[in-house]
Amino acid sequence: MDKNGTPYRLSPFYQENFELMQNAVPNWLPNNCHYIDNLYNQYYPHRLKELKKIIKEKFICYGSKPKWLQSPDWIIEQEPLIFIGQMDVTKMYHDTTFLYIFLNKQTSSYQFITQSA
């Protein structure tokens, strides 16, 4: 826009919201997730502490939080599934590979994903 001489005005609103999301979403969750965007919009306006609390209530870990080999890939259906744990299954593959285990509380079924590095 500068190059073309197009007039514009910066809005601090979007920068503030972006920074809020960056600070509220932990690194073990995808920060470009539609579910988290919907949470943000559903509970707007909010503060950092409130958004962190909502995220913690929605993304449940049975034990420790996932340690992703690649980008976070939490399984979300209508709601986020419960993270049960992860296993190193490298012996079954050529690369370092983890199996991530999730529980769908509503159907009492387990879902799995793998990541390799």
Protein backbone atom coordinates (compact mmCIF):
# COMPACT_ATOMS: atom_id res chain seq x y z
CA MET A 1 0.00 0.00 0.00
CA ASP A 2 2.85 2.35 0.76
CA LYS A 3 4.40 1.58 -2.63
CA ASN A 4 1.15 2.35 -4.46
CA GLY A 5 0.36 5.39 -2.35
CA THR A 6 -2.86 3.84 -1.08
CA PRO A 7 -4.07 5.52 2.10
CA TYR A 8 -4.67 3.25 5.08
CA ARG A 9 -4.89 3.37 8.84
CA LEU A 10 -3.49 0.76 11.24
CA SER A 11 -5.92 -0.63 13.77
CA PRO A 12 -4.49 -1.50 17.19
CA PHE A 13 -7.53 -3.80 17.72
CA TYR A 14 -6.19 -6.57 15.48
CA GLN A 15 -2.66 -6.32 16.87
CA GLU A 16 -3.96 -6.53 20.44
CA ASN A 17 -6.15 -9.55 19.61
CA PHE A 18 -3.27 -11.28 17.84
CA GLU A 19 -0.98 -10.73 20.81
CA LEU A 20 -3.68 -11.94 23.22
CA MET A 21 -4.07 -15.18 21.25
CA GLN A 22 -0.31 -15.68 21.03
CA ASN A 23 0.01 -15.29 24.80
CA ALA A 24 -3.08 -17.34 25.71
CA VAL A 25 -2.56 -20.41 23.52
CA PRO A 26 0.13 -22.74 24.94
CA ASN A 27 2.77 -24.11 22.55
CA TRP A 28 1.34 -27.64 22.78
CA LEU A 29 -1.88 -26.50 21.06
CA PRO A 30 -2.30 -25.35 17.47
CA ASN A 31 -2.67 -21.58 17.52
CA ASN A 32 -4.27 -21.52 14.07
CA CYS A 33 -7.15 -23.77 15.08
CA HIS A 34 -10.75 -22.84 14.17
CA TYR A 35 -11.95 -24.24 17.50
CA ILE A 36 -9.72 -21.84 19.45
CA ASP A 37 -10.77 -18.97 17.19
CA ASN A 38 -14.41 -19.84 17.94
CA LEU A 39 -13.67 -19.93 21.69
CA TYR A 40 -12.07 -16.52 21.39
CA ASN A 41 -15.12 -15.12 19.58
CA GLN A 42 -17.62 -16.86 21.85
CA TYR A 43 -16.14 -15.44 25.05
CA TYR A 44 -15.24 -11.99 23.70
CA PRO A 45 -14.44 -9.62 25.31
CA HIS A 46 -12.02 -11.28 27.65
CA ARG A 47 -8.66 -10.93 29.23
CA LEU A 48 -5.58 -13.09 28.98
CA LYS A 49 -6.22 -14.84 32.31
CA GLU A 50 -9.81 -15.70 31.37
CA LEU A 51 -8.88 -17.03 27.93
CA LYS A 52 -6.10 -19.20 29.40
CA LYS A 53 -8.60 -20.63 31.90
CA ILE A 54 -11.13 -21.44 29.16
CA ILE A 55 -8.47 -23.16 27.06
CA LYS A 56 -7.29 -25.19 30.06
CA GLU A 57 -10.88 -26.31 30.76
CA LYS A 58 -11.47 -27.37 27.16
CA PHE A 59 -8.12 -29.08 26.42
CA ILE A 60 -7.78 -31.78 29.07
CA CYS A 61 -4.64 -33.84 29.59
CA TYR A 62 -4.89 -37.02 31.65
CA GLY A 63 -1.25 -36.79 32.59
CA SER A 64 1.42 -34.64 31.04
CA LYS A 65 0.87 -32.41 28.03
CA PRO A 66 1.81 -33.73 24.59
CA LYS A 67 5.34 -33.25 23.35
CA TRP A 68 4.81 -33.00 19.62
CA LEU A 69 7.47 -34.05 17.13
CA GLN A 70 5.93 -31.70 14.55
CA SER A 71 3.26 -29.01 14.77
CA PRO A 72 0.57 -29.54 17.43
CA ASP A 73 -2.21 -31.76 16.08
CA TRP A 74 -4.82 -32.09 18.85
CA ILE A 75 -7.87 -34.10 17.78
CA ILE A 76 -11.00 -31.97 17.91
CA GLU A 77 -14.48 -33.14 16.96
CA GLN A 78 -17.36 -31.11 18.40
CA GLU A 79 -15.09 -30.61 21.42
CA PRO A 80 -11.41 -31.37 21.94
CA LEU A 81 -10.74 -35.00 22.83
CA ILE A 82 -8.94 -35.78 26.10
CA PHE A 83 -5.23 -36.34 25.69
CA ILE A 84 -4.36 -39.63 27.42
CA GLY A 85 -0.68 -39.90 26.61
CA GLN A 86 1.95 -40.69 24.03
CA MET A 87 4.21 -43.63 23.26
CA ASP A 88 7.51 -43.83 21.45
CA VAL A 89 6.92 -46.36 18.64
CA THR A 90 10.18 -45.65 16.82
CA LYS A 91 11.10 -49.36 16.71
CA MET A 92 8.18 -49.93 14.33
CA TYR A 93 9.28 -47.19 11.90
CA HIS A 94 12.45 -45.88 10.26
CA ASP A 95 12.24 -42.43 11.89
CA THR A 96 11.56 -41.22 15.41
CA THR A 97 7.78 -41.74 15.75
CA PHE A 98 5.34 -41.06 18.56
CA LEU A 99 1.81 -42.40 18.91
CA TYR A 100 -0.60 -39.93 20.54
CA ILE A 101 -3.67 -41.33 22.31
CA PHE A 102 -6.92 -39.41 22.74
CA LEU A 103 -10.23 -40.31 24.38
CA ASN A 104 -13.61 -39.23 23.07
CA LYS A 105 -15.53 -38.96 26.32
CA GLN A 106 -18.95 -38.92 24.64
CA THR A 107 -18.43 -42.14 22.67
CA SER A 108 -15.95 -43.79 25.09
CA SER A 109 -13.71 -44.51 22.12
CA TYR A 110 -10.00 -43.91 21.59
CA GLN A 111 -8.40 -42.19 18.64
CA PHE A 112 -4.76 -42.22 17.69
CA ILE A 113 -2.41 -40.14 15.59
CA THR A 114 1.27 -40.55 14.85
CA GLN A 115 4.00 -38.05 14.10
CA SER A 116 7.48 -38.73 12.80
CA ALA A 117 10.56 -36.59 12.83
